[in-house]
Amino acid sequence: MIINVKVIAGAKQNKIKKEGERFKVYLTAPPVEGKANKMLIEILADYFKVKKNKISIIKGTLSSNKTIEIT
């Protein structure tokens, strides 16, 4: 499954909102040294009930707009 995600790093709390075909993910982690990407994978794994190694960022590693693959 491929999903599009808009990431808001440095938020007050971690949460996921579905907006049409896109997910908006709020993360408390700052967007430095890959901390937000790591937290994004953890939160998506919990949300979709899969292991973290089943989730990968296939586009937008350094952007707030990301394409995620869940296998």
Protein backbone atom coordinates (compact mmCIF):
# COMPACT_ATOMS: atom_id res chain seq x y z
CA MET A 1 0.00 0.00 0.00
CA ILE A 2 1.25 3.47 -0.88
CA ILE A 3 0.10 6.51 1.12
CA ASN A 4 0.86 10.22 0.96
CA VAL A 5 1.69 11.94 4.22
CA LYS A 6 2.09 15.57 5.27
CA VAL A 7 4.30 15.76 8.36
CA ILE A 8 4.12 18.56 10.91
CA ALA A 9 7.21 18.19 13.09
CA GLY A 10 7.59 19.91 16.45
CA ALA A 11 3.87 19.64 17.29
CA LYS A 12 2.52 19.58 20.84
CA GLN A 13 1.31 15.97 20.57
CA ASN A 14 1.59 12.98 18.26
CA LYS A 15 -1.54 12.32 16.21
CA ILE A 16 -2.72 11.20 12.80
CA LYS A 17 -5.56 12.78 10.81
CA LYS A 18 -6.90 11.40 7.56
CA GLU A 19 -7.82 14.14 5.09
CA GLY A 20 -9.30 12.57 1.98
CA GLU A 21 -6.62 10.42 0.35
CA ARG A 22 -3.83 11.98 2.41
CA PHE A 23 -2.74 11.58 6.02
CA LYS A 24 -1.59 14.50 8.16
CA VAL A 25 0.78 13.36 10.91
CA TYR A 26 1.70 15.62 13.82
CA LEU A 27 4.98 14.70 15.53
CA THR A 28 6.57 16.01 18.71
CA ALA A 29 10.03 15.17 17.36
CA PRO A 30 12.05 17.96 15.74
CA PRO A 31 12.95 17.67 12.03
CA VAL A 32 16.68 17.22 12.70
CA GLU A 33 18.99 14.24 12.24
CA GLY A 34 16.13 12.02 11.06
CA LYS A 35 14.32 12.08 14.42
CA ALA A 36 10.97 13.05 12.86
CA ASN A 37 11.28 10.34 10.19
CA LYS A 38 12.04 7.72 12.82
CA MET A 39 9.06 8.78 14.93
CA LEU A 40 6.85 8.89 11.82
CA ILE A 41 7.64 5.24 11.08
CA GLU A 42 6.93 4.26 14.70
CA ILE A 43 3.57 6.05 14.75
CA LEU A 44 2.47 4.71 11.37
CA ALA A 45 3.45 1.16 12.40
CA ASP A 46 1.26 1.47 15.47
CA TYR A 47 -1.62 3.04 13.50
CA PHE A 48 -1.62 0.38 10.76
CA LYS A 49 -0.74 -2.48 13.18
CA VAL A 50 2.39 -3.57 11.30
CA LYS A 51 6.04 -3.95 12.25
CA LYS A 52 8.29 -0.93 11.75
CA ASN A 53 10.41 -2.75 9.16
CA LYS A 54 7.31 -3.02 6.92
CA ILE A 55 7.19 0.79 6.51
CA SER A 56 9.57 2.75 4.32
CA ILE A 57 9.79 6.33 3.09
CA ILE A 58 10.11 6.06 -0.68
CA LYS A 59 9.93 9.77 -1.50
CA GLY A 60 10.41 13.00 0.45
CA THR A 61 12.94 11.99 3.11
CA LEU A 62 13.96 15.63 3.59
CA SER A 63 10.53 17.11 2.87
CA SER A 64 7.37 17.49 4.92
CA ASN A 65 5.42 15.84 2.07
CA LYS A 66 6.29 12.15 1.97
CA THR A 67 5.28 9.04 0.07
CA ILE A 68 5.21 5.98 2.33
CA GLU A 69 5.13 2.32 1.34
CA ILE A 70 3.57 -0.19 3.73
CA THR A 71 4.16 -3.86 2.87
